[in-house]
Amino acid sequence: MRTRALLLAVSVVSLGCATSPPGNAYDICVIFGERHSWYRAASRAHEKWGVSEAVQLAIIHQESGFRAKARPARRRLLWVLPGRRPSSAYGYGQVLDSTWDLYRRATGKRRAQRDDFGDVTDFIGWYAAEIRTRSGVAPDDAYSLYLAYHEGPLGFSRGTYRSKAWLLGIAQSVAVRAQRYQRQYAGCSERLARHRWWWPL
C-alpha cells in the first residue's frame, strides 16, 4: 500500500513538472538525460527531415527557453496596464497561429500542438525542409536557418534581416549554441541510444 502511494506521488510530481524547463538548459546530454521523450522526438525529426538534434534544441532554447507555454510579453499601456501581446507566437518554438495552421495542413497533423515538444521538433524539421527547397539553406546551417525561422521564407529571400543588427547577433548566438550542443551530443549520443533511460551523473 505504501509502495502504491509512493508511485502515485511520483507520477503526480512527474506530470506536474512535465512542461517545466530542464535543470540545465545549456547541456544537451543533461537535457536528454532528464527528458528521454525529448531525445526520441528530436531523433525522429532528425531522421525524417535531416535537421540535427543540436540545431533543433538551439532554436527552441532561443525561442522559449524550453517553456512549453511561452508567449511574448504583453505591451504596457501608460507603462502600467497590460495591453495586447505583440504577436500570436506560442509554445516551445514561438510559432505564429498562421504558420502553425500551414504546418498542420501541409503535414496532415491536425492535432499537433505548439506546447508539445515532439510536434515542435517535427515543425522545425518541416520548416527547415521548406527553407532548403526555397532558398537552398543546408539543414545544419543554424545561423541562416534561424534567420529564415524569424523572418519567414519570403522575408529571408528578400534579405529583410540584413538591416536588423540585433537579429544577426541572435542568429550568431543560436549558431554558437548549436555547435556547443553538437560537441556535447557527440559524447553521449551512443549512451542515449543504448539505454531507454539514462540519467547523467
Protein backbone atom coordinates (compact mmCIF):
# COMPACT_ATOMS: atom_id res chain seq x y z
CA MET A 1 0.00 0.00 0.00
CA ARG A 2 2.82 2.35 0.91
CA THR A 3 4.61 1.48 -2.35
CA ARG A 4 1.48 2.25 -4.39
CA ALA A 5 1.10 5.62 -2.67
CA LEU A 6 4.74 6.44 -3.34
CA LEU A 7 4.41 5.57 -7.02
CA LEU A 8 1.28 7.69 -7.27
CA ALA A 9 3.05 10.64 -5.67
CA VAL A 10 5.99 10.29 -8.05
CA SER A 11 3.60 10.14 -11.01
CA VAL A 12 1.81 13.31 -9.91
CA VAL A 13 5.10 15.14 -9.44
CA SER A 14 6.32 13.97 -12.84
CA LEU A 15 3.15 15.15 -14.55
CA GLY A 16 3.32 18.49 -12.79
CA CYS A 17 6.89 19.02 -13.96
CA ALA A 18 6.35 17.72 -17.48
CA THR A 19 6.29 21.17 -19.05
CA SER A 20 8.93 22.83 -16.85
CA PRO A 21 12.33 23.70 -18.37
CA PRO A 22 15.16 21.20 -17.88
CA GLY A 23 17.52 21.63 -14.94
CA ASN A 24 20.46 22.60 -17.18
CA ALA A 25 19.39 24.12 -20.49
CA TYR A 26 23.00 24.54 -21.64
CA ASP A 27 23.96 20.85 -21.83
CA ILE A 28 22.18 18.69 -24.39
CA CYS A 29 23.27 15.49 -22.63
CA VAL A 30 21.65 16.61 -19.38
CA ILE A 31 18.51 17.72 -21.23
CA PHE A 32 18.09 14.40 -22.99
CA GLY A 33 19.06 12.51 -19.87
CA GLU A 34 16.23 14.16 -17.97
CA ARG A 35 13.73 14.06 -20.84
CA HIS A 36 14.20 10.88 -22.82
CA SER A 37 10.95 11.54 -24.69
CA TRP A 38 12.58 14.75 -25.97
CA TYR A 39 15.56 12.73 -27.16
CA ARG A 40 13.29 10.35 -29.06
CA ALA A 41 11.31 13.22 -30.59
CA ALA A 42 14.42 15.12 -31.69
CA SER A 43 15.94 11.92 -33.10
CA ARG A 44 12.80 11.20 -35.11
CA ALA A 45 12.80 14.72 -36.52
CA HIS A 46 16.49 14.38 -37.43
CA GLU A 47 15.88 11.11 -39.25
CA LYS A 48 12.81 12.47 -41.03
CA TRP A 49 13.97 15.96 -42.01
CA GLY A 50 17.76 15.99 -41.67
CA VAL A 51 17.97 18.75 -39.05
CA SER A 52 20.29 17.76 -36.23
CA GLU A 53 19.14 17.44 -32.65
CA ALA A 54 21.61 20.20 -31.75
CA VAL A 55 20.08 22.71 -34.19
CA GLN A 56 16.55 21.86 -33.07
CA LEU A 57 17.38 22.46 -29.42
CA ALA A 58 19.37 25.62 -30.13
CA ILE A 59 16.30 27.14 -31.80
CA ILE A 60 13.95 26.04 -29.03
CA HIS A 61 16.36 27.36 -26.39
CA GLN A 62 16.35 30.77 -28.06
CA GLU A 63 12.64 30.93 -28.71
CA SER A 64 11.18 29.75 -25.42
CA GLY A 65 13.91 28.69 -23.01
CA PHE A 66 12.23 25.25 -23.17
CA ARG A 67 8.98 26.63 -21.69
CA ALA A 68 6.01 24.80 -23.17
CA LYS A 69 3.51 27.63 -22.85
CA ALA A 70 5.78 30.59 -23.54
CA ARG A 71 4.23 33.71 -25.08
CA PRO A 72 5.60 37.15 -25.94
CA ALA A 73 5.32 39.65 -23.09
CA ARG A 74 2.32 41.96 -23.24
CA ARG A 75 2.79 45.56 -24.23
CA ARG A 76 2.16 48.10 -21.48
CA LEU A 77 -0.46 50.83 -21.65
CA LEU A 78 0.62 54.01 -19.85
CA TRP A 79 3.65 51.97 -18.67
CA VAL A 80 1.45 50.11 -16.17
CA LEU A 81 -1.64 48.43 -17.60
CA PRO A 82 -1.15 45.16 -19.52
CA GLY A 83 -2.07 45.51 -23.19
CA ARG A 84 -2.10 43.16 -26.15
CA ARG A 85 0.67 40.75 -26.96
CA PRO A 86 2.79 41.78 -29.99
CA SER A 87 2.02 38.53 -31.84
CA SER A 88 0.26 35.16 -31.62
CA ALA A 89 3.57 33.33 -31.07
CA TYR A 90 3.19 30.47 -28.63
CA GLY A 91 4.85 27.34 -27.28
CA TYR A 92 8.29 25.79 -27.43
CA GLY A 93 9.00 27.21 -30.88
CA GLN A 94 7.12 30.52 -30.55
CA VAL A 95 5.24 29.72 -33.74
CA LEU A 96 2.55 32.09 -35.05
CA ASP A 97 -1.04 30.89 -35.42
CA SER A 98 -0.95 31.26 -39.21
CA THR A 99 2.36 29.41 -39.60
CA TRP A 100 1.21 26.57 -37.35
CA ASP A 101 -2.02 26.21 -39.31
CA LEU A 102 0.01 25.99 -42.52
CA TYR A 103 2.21 23.27 -41.00
CA ARG A 104 -0.79 21.24 -39.86
CA ARG A 105 -2.41 21.44 -43.27
CA ALA A 106 0.81 20.58 -45.11
CA THR A 107 1.65 17.57 -42.93
CA GLY A 108 -1.84 16.36 -42.10
CA LYS A 109 -1.05 16.65 -38.38
CA ARG A 110 -4.35 18.26 -37.47
CA ARG A 111 -3.93 17.63 -33.76
CA ALA A 112 -0.36 18.93 -33.47
CA GLN A 113 0.11 21.39 -30.62
CA ARG A 114 2.70 24.11 -30.11
CA ASP A 115 3.18 23.15 -26.47
CA ASP A 116 4.03 19.55 -27.40
CA PHE A 117 7.80 19.12 -27.70
CA GLY A 118 7.58 16.35 -30.30
CA ASP A 119 5.24 18.35 -32.51
CA VAL A 120 7.55 21.36 -32.36
CA THR A 121 10.68 19.37 -33.27
CA ASP A 122 8.79 17.99 -36.26
CA PHE A 123 7.70 21.52 -37.16
CA ILE A 124 11.30 22.77 -37.08
CA GLY A 125 12.33 19.93 -39.37
CA TRP A 126 9.46 20.64 -41.76
CA TYR A 127 10.21 24.35 -41.77
CA ALA A 128 13.90 23.71 -42.47
CA ALA A 129 12.93 21.49 -45.40
CA GLU A 130 10.74 24.29 -46.79
CA ILE A 131 13.56 26.80 -46.46
CA ARG A 132 16.01 24.42 -48.09
CA THR A 133 13.66 23.95 -51.05
CA ARG A 134 13.07 27.68 -51.46
CA SER A 135 16.46 29.16 -50.58
CA GLY A 136 18.96 26.30 -50.50
CA VAL A 137 19.79 26.64 -46.79
CA ALA A 138 21.50 23.49 -45.50
CA PRO A 139 19.77 21.81 -42.54
CA ASP A 140 22.90 22.15 -40.38
CA ASP A 141 23.30 25.89 -41.09
CA ALA A 142 21.86 27.09 -37.78
CA TYR A 143 22.71 30.73 -38.48
CA SER A 144 20.80 31.02 -41.77
CA LEU A 145 18.06 28.70 -40.61
CA TYR A 146 17.32 30.86 -37.59
CA LEU A 147 17.19 34.00 -39.72
CA ALA A 148 14.69 32.27 -42.01
CA TYR A 149 12.78 30.98 -38.98
CA HIS A 150 12.42 34.51 -37.68
CA GLU A 151 11.78 36.38 -40.93
CA GLY A 152 9.74 33.78 -42.78
CA PRO A 153 10.58 32.30 -46.21
CA LEU A 154 9.65 35.45 -48.14
CA GLY A 155 11.42 37.83 -45.77
CA PHE A 156 14.52 35.66 -45.78
CA SER A 157 14.62 35.51 -49.58
CA ARG A 158 14.32 39.31 -49.67
CA GLY A 159 17.10 39.72 -47.10
CA THR A 160 14.99 41.67 -44.60
CA TYR A 161 17.33 40.53 -41.82
CA ARG A 162 20.28 42.49 -43.24
CA SER A 163 19.10 45.74 -41.66
CA LYS A 164 18.49 44.12 -38.25
CA ALA A 165 21.78 44.04 -36.40
CA TRP A 166 20.09 42.73 -33.26
CA LEU A 167 18.69 39.75 -35.16
CA LEU A 168 22.04 38.95 -36.74
CA GLY A 169 23.52 38.87 -33.26
CA ILE A 170 20.84 36.48 -32.01
CA ALA A 171 21.31 34.21 -35.03
CA GLN A 172 25.03 34.08 -34.28
CA SER A 173 24.26 33.10 -30.68
CA VAL A 174 21.97 30.32 -31.92
CA ALA A 175 24.71 29.05 -34.23
CA VAL A 176 27.28 29.03 -31.41
CA ARG A 177 24.84 27.21 -29.11
CA ALA A 178 24.11 24.63 -31.81
CA GLN A 179 27.83 23.98 -32.20
CA ARG A 180 28.22 23.57 -28.44
CA TYR A 181 25.25 21.22 -28.26
CA GLN A 182 26.70 19.18 -31.14
CA ARG A 183 30.05 18.77 -29.39
CA GLN A 184 28.28 17.68 -26.21
CA TYR A 185 26.00 15.31 -28.10
CA ALA A 186 28.95 13.55 -29.68
CA GLY A 187 29.93 12.42 -26.20
CA CYS A 188 26.56 10.99 -25.11
CA SER A 189 24.57 10.03 -28.21
CA GLU A 190 25.65 6.38 -28.06
CA ARG A 191 24.66 6.07 -24.41
CA LEU A 192 21.31 7.69 -25.08
CA ALA A 193 20.68 5.33 -27.99
CA ARG A 194 21.65 2.23 -25.98
CA HIS A 195 19.64 2.94 -22.87
CA ARG A 196 15.96 3.72 -22.69
CA TRP A 197 16.53 5.74 -19.54
CA TRP A 198 19.89 7.36 -18.95
CA TRP A 199 20.48 9.85 -16.17
CA PRO A 200 23.78 11.76 -16.17
CA LEU A 201 25.84 11.56 -13.02
